[in-house]
């Protein structure tokens, strides 16, 4: 599951689609895709220019 925070409304079309880089992405780790959520997506978001990336891991308290 993922939540994106977008602060530049001028890049949102009238249909609600966003073209740009979100300011913040919150990734909620799923037990079935743990490695992908923590490693693969982090690498992708870093290369994409995401400023803030928060990982929420319900199984790791």
PDB file of N, CA and C in Angstrom:
ATOM      1  N   UNK A   1       0.844  -1.170   0.000  1.00  0.00           N
ATOM      2  CA  UNK A   1       0.000   0.000   0.000  1.00  0.00           C
ATOM      3  C   UNK A   1       0.891   1.234   0.000  1.00  0.00           C
ATOM      4  N   UNK A   2       0.450   2.272  -0.681  1.00  0.00           N
ATOM      5  CA  UNK A   2       1.275   3.468  -0.808  1.00  0.00           C
ATOM      6  C   UNK A   2       0.403   4.712  -0.707  1.00  0.00           C
ATOM      7  N   UNK A   3       0.947   5.748  -0.102  1.00  0.00           N
ATOM      8  CA  UNK A   3       0.293   7.041   0.011  1.00  0.00           C
ATOM      9  C   UNK A   3       1.255   8.076  -0.535  1.00  0.00           C
ATOM     10  N   UNK A   4       0.775   8.940  -1.424  1.00  0.00           N
ATOM     11  CA  UNK A   4       1.613  10.000  -1.985  1.00  0.00           C
ATOM     12  C   UNK A   4       1.071  11.348  -1.550  1.00  0.00           C
ATOM     13  N   UNK A   5       1.975  12.268  -1.210  1.00  0.00           N
ATOM     14  CA  UNK A   5       1.597  13.631  -0.866  1.00  0.00           C
ATOM     15  C   UNK A   5       2.117  14.540  -1.968  1.00  0.00           C
ATOM     16  N   UNK A   6       1.208  15.302  -2.557  1.00  0.00           N
ATOM     17  CA  UNK A   6       1.550  16.175  -3.678  1.00  0.00           C
ATOM     18  C   UNK A   6       1.308  17.613  -3.246  1.00  0.00           C
ATOM     19  N   UNK A   7       2.348  18.445  -3.333  1.00  0.00           N
ATOM     20  CA  UNK A   7       2.232  19.835  -2.887  1.00  0.00           C
ATOM     21  C   UNK A   7       2.156  20.831  -4.039  1.00  0.00           C
ATOM     22  N   UNK A   8       2.391  20.393  -5.257  1.00  0.00           N
ATOM     23  CA  UNK A   8       2.343  21.308  -6.405  1.00  0.00           C
ATOM     24  C   UNK A   8       1.103  21.029  -7.253  1.00  0.00           C
ATOM     25  N   UNK A   9       0.004  21.659  -6.879  1.00  0.00           N
ATOM     26  CA  UNK A   9      -1.286  21.411  -7.508  1.00  0.00           C
ATOM     27  C   UNK A   9      -1.308  21.744  -8.997  1.00  0.00           C
ATOM     28  N   UNK A  10      -0.411  22.607  -9.449  1.00  0.00           N
ATOM     29  CA  UNK A  10      -0.409  22.988 -10.865  1.00  0.00           C
ATOM     30  C   UNK A  10      -0.070  21.817 -11.782  1.00  0.00           C
ATOM     31  N   UNK A  11       0.484  20.733 -11.233  1.00  0.00           N
ATOM     32  CA  UNK A  11       0.802  19.554 -12.036  1.00  0.00           C
ATOM     33  C   UNK A  11      -0.280  18.482 -11.980  1.00  0.00           C
ATOM     34  N   UNK A  12      -1.440  18.815 -11.431  1.00  0.00           N
ATOM     35  CA  UNK A  12      -2.567  17.887 -11.380  1.00  0.00           C
ATOM     36  C   UNK A  12      -3.566  18.308 -12.446  1.00  0.00           C
ATOM     37  N   UNK A  13      -3.901  17.384 -13.347  1.00  0.00           N
ATOM     38  CA  UNK A  13      -4.844  17.694 -14.424  1.00  0.00           C
ATOM     39  C   UNK A  13      -6.259  17.801 -13.876  1.00  0.00           C
ATOM     40  N   UNK A  14      -7.165  18.297 -14.711  1.00  0.00           N
ATOM     41  CA  UNK A  14      -8.565  18.417 -14.297  1.00  0.00           C
ATOM     42  C   UNK A  14      -9.161  17.051 -13.997  1.00  0.00           C
ATOM     43  N   UNK A  15      -8.628  16.008 -14.621  1.00  0.00           N
ATOM     44  CA  UNK A  15      -9.093  14.650 -14.369  1.00  0.00           C
ATOM     45  C   UNK A  15      -8.512  14.040 -13.105  1.00  0.00           C
ATOM     46  N   UNK A  16      -7.631  14.780 -12.422  1.00  0.00           N
ATOM     47  CA  UNK A  16      -7.066  14.310 -11.166  1.00  0.00           C
ATOM     48  C   UNK A  16      -5.771  13.533 -11.302  1.00  0.00           C
ATOM     49  N   UNK A  17      -5.219  13.458 -12.520  1.00  0.00           N
ATOM     50  CA  UNK A  17      -3.950  12.739 -12.704  1.00  0.00           C
ATOM     51  C   UNK A  17      -2.786  13.686 -12.443  1.00  0.00           C
ATOM     52  N   UNK A  18      -1.771  13.163 -11.787  1.00  0.00           N
ATOM     53  CA  UNK A  18      -0.600  13.956 -11.415  1.00  0.00           C
ATOM     54  C   UNK A  18       0.565  13.636 -12.333  1.00  0.00           C
ATOM     55  N   UNK A  19       1.229  14.684 -12.810  1.00  0.00           N
ATOM     56  CA  UNK A  19       2.435  14.524 -13.621  1.00  0.00           C
ATOM     57  C   UNK A  19       3.553  15.262 -12.904  1.00  0.00           C
ATOM     58  N   UNK A  20       4.427  14.507 -12.290  1.00  0.00           N
ATOM     59  CA  UNK A  20       5.521  15.108 -11.547  1.00  0.00           C
ATOM     60  C   UNK A  20       6.033  14.152 -10.493  1.00  0.00           C
ATOM     61  N   UNK A  21       6.794  14.685  -9.562  1.00  0.00           N
ATOM     62  CA  UNK A  21       7.368  13.884  -8.484  1.00  0.00           C
ATOM     63  C   UNK A  21       6.687  14.252  -7.175  1.00  0.00           C
ATOM     64  N   UNK A  22       6.096  13.271  -6.492  1.00  0.00           N
ATOM     65  CA  UNK A  22       5.461  13.576  -5.206  1.00  0.00           C
ATOM     66  C   UNK A  22       6.485  14.099  -4.202  1.00  0.00           C
ATOM     67  N   UNK A  23       6.027  14.898  -3.262  1.00  0.00           N
ATOM     68  CA  UNK A  23       6.887  15.419  -2.212  1.00  0.00           C
ATOM     69  C   UNK A  23       7.201  14.338  -1.188  1.00  0.00           C
ATOM     70  N   UNK A  24       6.219  13.506  -0.895  1.00  0.00           N
ATOM     71  CA  UNK A  24       6.357  12.475   0.131  1.00  0.00           C
ATOM     72  C   UNK A  24       5.655  11.208  -0.323  1.00  0.00           C
ATOM     73  N   UNK A  25       6.305  10.074  -0.119  1.00  0.00           N
ATOM     74  CA  UNK A  25       5.680   8.770  -0.351  1.00  0.00           C
ATOM     75  C   UNK A  25       5.765   7.992   0.952  1.00  0.00           C
ATOM     76  N   UNK A  26       4.638   7.429   1.377  1.00  0.00           N
ATOM     77  CA  UNK A  26       4.592   6.572   2.562  1.00  0.00           C
ATOM     78  C   UNK A  26       4.294   5.162   2.078  1.00  0.00           C
ATOM     79  N   UNK A  27       5.196   4.246   2.343  1.00  0.00           N
ATOM     80  CA  UNK A  27       5.046   2.849   1.930  1.00  0.00           C
ATOM     81  C   UNK A  27       4.734   2.009   3.155  1.00  0.00           C
ATOM     82  N   UNK A  28       3.617   1.301   3.115  1.00  0.00           N
ATOM     83  CA  UNK A  28       3.255   0.387   4.197  1.00  0.00           C
ATOM     84  C   UNK A  28       3.680  -1.010   3.769  1.00  0.00           C
ATOM     85  N   UNK A  29       4.625  -1.586   4.491  1.00  0.00           N
ATOM     86  CA  UNK A  29       5.229  -2.860   4.115  1.00  0.00           C
ATOM     87  C   UNK A  29       4.209  -3.988   4.220  1.00  0.00           C
ATOM     88  N   UNK A  30       4.187  -4.796   3.178  1.00  0.00           N
ATOM     89  CA  UNK A  30       3.331  -5.979   3.146  1.00  0.00           C
ATOM     90  C   UNK A  30       4.198  -7.212   3.381  1.00  0.00           C
ATOM     91  N   UNK A  31       3.755  -8.151   4.205  1.00  0.00           N
ATOM     92  CA  UNK A  31       4.548  -9.362   4.443  1.00  0.00           C
ATOM     93  C   UNK A  31       4.860 -10.128   3.159  1.00  0.00           C
ATOM     94  N   UNK A  32       3.987 -10.062   2.180  1.00  0.00           N
ATOM     95  CA  UNK A  32       4.190 -10.818   0.940  1.00  0.00           C
ATOM     96  C   UNK A  32       5.164 -10.139  -0.024  1.00  0.00           C
ATOM     97  N   UNK A  33       5.470  -8.849   0.185  1.00  0.00           N
ATOM     98  CA  UNK A  33       6.384  -8.152  -0.727  1.00  0.00           C
ATOM     99  C   UNK A  33       7.389  -7.298   0.049  1.00  0.00           C
ATOM    100  N   UNK A  34       7.818  -7.805   1.186  1.00  0.00           N
ATOM    101  CA  UNK A  34       8.700  -7.080   2.098  1.00  0.00           C
ATOM    102  C   UNK A  34       9.969  -6.558   1.419  1.00  0.00           C
ATOM    103  N   UNK A  35      10.706  -7.415   0.735  1.00  0.00           N
ATOM    104  CA  UNK A  35      11.958  -7.009   0.089  1.00  0.00           C
ATOM    105  C   UNK A  35      11.703  -5.942  -0.973  1.00  0.00           C
ATOM    106  N   UNK A  36      10.672  -6.134  -1.751  1.00  0.00           N
ATOM    107  CA  UNK A  36      10.328  -5.154  -2.793  1.00  0.00           C
ATOM    108  C   UNK A  36       9.978  -3.807  -2.167  1.00  0.00           C
ATOM    109  N   UNK A  37       9.179  -3.830  -1.108  1.00  0.00           N
ATOM    110  CA  UNK A  37       8.743  -2.590  -0.467  1.00  0.00           C
ATOM    111  C   UNK A  37       9.896  -1.829   0.173  1.00  0.00           C
ATOM    112  N   UNK A  38      10.841  -2.548   0.775  1.00  0.00           N
ATOM    113  CA  UNK A  38      11.913  -1.903   1.535  1.00  0.00           C
ATOM    114  C   UNK A  38      13.134  -1.577   0.680  1.00  0.00           C
ATOM    115  N   UNK A  39      13.500  -2.445  -0.256  1.00  0.00           N
ATOM    116  CA  UNK A  39      14.730  -2.251  -1.029  1.00  0.00           C
ATOM    117  C   UNK A  39      14.454  -1.710  -2.429  1.00  0.00           C
ATOM    118  N   UNK A  40      13.692  -2.450  -3.207  1.00  0.00           N
ATOM    119  CA  UNK A  40      13.476  -2.098  -4.613  1.00  0.00           C
ATOM    120  C   UNK A  40      12.787  -0.747  -4.760  1.00  0.00           C
ATOM    121  N   UNK A  41      11.729  -0.535  -4.006  1.00  0.00           N
ATOM    122  CA  UNK A  41      10.991   0.727  -4.120  1.00  0.00           C
ATOM    123  C   UNK A  41      11.814   1.900  -3.606  1.00  0.00           C
ATOM    124  N   UNK A  42      12.597   1.686  -2.543  1.00  0.00           N
ATOM    125  CA  UNK A  42      13.461   2.753  -2.041  1.00  0.00           C
ATOM    126  C   UNK A  42      14.424   3.211  -3.129  1.00  0.00           C
ATOM    127  N   UNK A  43      15.072   2.271  -3.802  1.00  0.00           N
ATOM    128  CA  UNK A  43      15.993   2.616  -4.889  1.00  0.00           C
ATOM    129  C   UNK A  43      15.273   3.390  -5.987  1.00  0.00           C
ATOM    130  N   UNK A  44      14.090   2.925  -6.369  1.00  0.00           N
ATOM    131  CA  UNK A  44      13.315   3.584  -7.422  1.00  0.00           C
ATOM    132  C   UNK A  44      12.954   5.011  -7.016  1.00  0.00           C
ATOM    133  N   UNK A  45      12.461   5.185  -5.801  1.00  0.00           N
ATOM    134  CA  UNK A  45      12.046   6.513  -5.354  1.00  0.00           C
ATOM    135  C   UNK A  45      13.229   7.461  -5.234  1.00  0.00           C
ATOM    136  N   UNK A  46      14.377   6.967  -4.785  1.00  0.00           N
ATOM    137  CA  UNK A  46      15.572   7.815  -4.697  1.00  0.00           C
ATOM    138  C   UNK A  46      15.984   8.303  -6.078  1.00  0.00           C
ATOM    139  N   UNK A  47      15.952   7.411  -7.068  1.00  0.00           N
ATOM    140  CA  UNK A  47      16.311   7.782  -8.434  1.00  0.00           C
ATOM    141  C   UNK A  47      15.283   8.722  -9.058  1.00  0.00           C
ATOM    142  N   UNK A  48      14.046   8.670  -8.580  1.00  0.00           N
ATOM    143  CA  UNK A  48      12.969   9.492  -9.131  1.00  0.00           C
ATOM    144  C   UNK A  48      12.948  10.906  -8.557  1.00  0.00           C
ATOM    145  N   UNK A  49      13.714  11.146  -7.506  1.00  0.00           N
ATOM    146  CA  UNK A  49      13.771  12.477  -6.919  1.00  0.00           C
ATOM    147  C   UNK A  49      12.768  12.732  -5.811  1.00  0.00           C
ATOM    148  N   UNK A  50      12.208  11.659  -5.245  1.00  0.00           N
ATOM    149  CA  UNK A  50      11.294  11.809  -4.115  1.00  0.00           C
ATOM    150  C   UNK A  50      12.066  12.442  -2.957  1.00  0.00           C
ATOM    151  N   UNK A  51      11.533  13.496  -2.360  1.00  0.00           N
ATOM    152  CA  UNK A  51      12.233  14.175  -1.267  1.00  0.00           C
ATOM    153  C   UNK A  51      12.154  13.418   0.049  1.00  0.00           C
ATOM    154  N   UNK A  52      11.003  12.846   0.332  1.00  0.00           N
ATOM    155  CA  UNK A  52      10.802  12.132   1.596  1.00  0.00           C
ATOM    156  C   UNK A  52      10.149  10.781   1.317  1.00  0.00           C
ATOM    157  N   UNK A  53      10.691   9.733   1.923  1.00  0.00           N
ATOM    158  CA  UNK A  53      10.155   8.382   1.762  1.00  0.00           C
ATOM    159  C   UNK A  53      10.076   7.760   3.142  1.00  0.00           C
ATOM    160  N   UNK A  54       8.874   7.458   3.584  1.00  0.00           N
ATOM    161  CA  UNK A  54       8.655   6.900   4.912  1.00  0.00           C
ATOM    162  C   UNK A  54       8.194   5.461   4.770  1.00  0.00           C
ATOM    163  N   UNK A  55       8.864   4.557   5.485  1.00  0.00           N
ATOM    164  CA  UNK A  55       8.493   3.146   5.468  1.00  0.00           C
ATOM    165  C   UNK A  55       7.786   2.830   6.783  1.00  0.00           C
ATOM    166  N   UNK A  56       6.573   2.310   6.676  1.00  0.00           N
ATOM    167  CA  UNK A  56       5.811   1.875   7.843  1.00  0.00           C
ATOM    168  C   UNK A  56       5.777   0.357   7.803  1.00  0.00           C
ATOM    169  N   UNK A  57       6.359  -0.269   8.816  1.00  0.00           N
ATOM    170  CA  UNK A  57       6.441  -1.727   8.862  1.00  0.00           C
ATOM    171  C   UNK A  57       5.664  -2.229  10.076  1.00  0.00           C
ATOM    172  N   UNK A  58       4.405  -2.635   9.885  1.00  0.00           N
ATOM    173  CA  UNK A  58       3.572  -3.062  11.007  1.00  0.00           C
ATOM    174  C   UNK A  58       4.133  -4.259  11.776  1.00  0.00           C
ATOM    175  N   UNK A  59       4.956  -5.089  11.136  1.00  0.00           N
ATOM    176  CA  UNK A  59       5.506  -6.272  11.794  1.00  0.00           C
ATOM    177  C   UNK A  59       6.780  -5.985  12.576  1.00  0.00           C
ATOM    178  N   UNK A  60       7.371  -4.817  12.399  1.00  0.00           N
ATOM    179  CA  UNK A  60       8.631  -4.479  13.057  1.00  0.00           C
ATOM    180  C   UNK A  60       8.379  -3.304  14.000  1.00  0.00           C
ATOM    181  N   UNK A  61       8.104  -3.616  15.237  1.00  0.00           N
ATOM    182  CA  UNK A  61       7.744  -2.554  16.194  1.00  0.00           C
ATOM    183  C   UNK A  61       8.940  -2.043  16.947  1.00  0.00           C
TER     184      UNK A  61
END
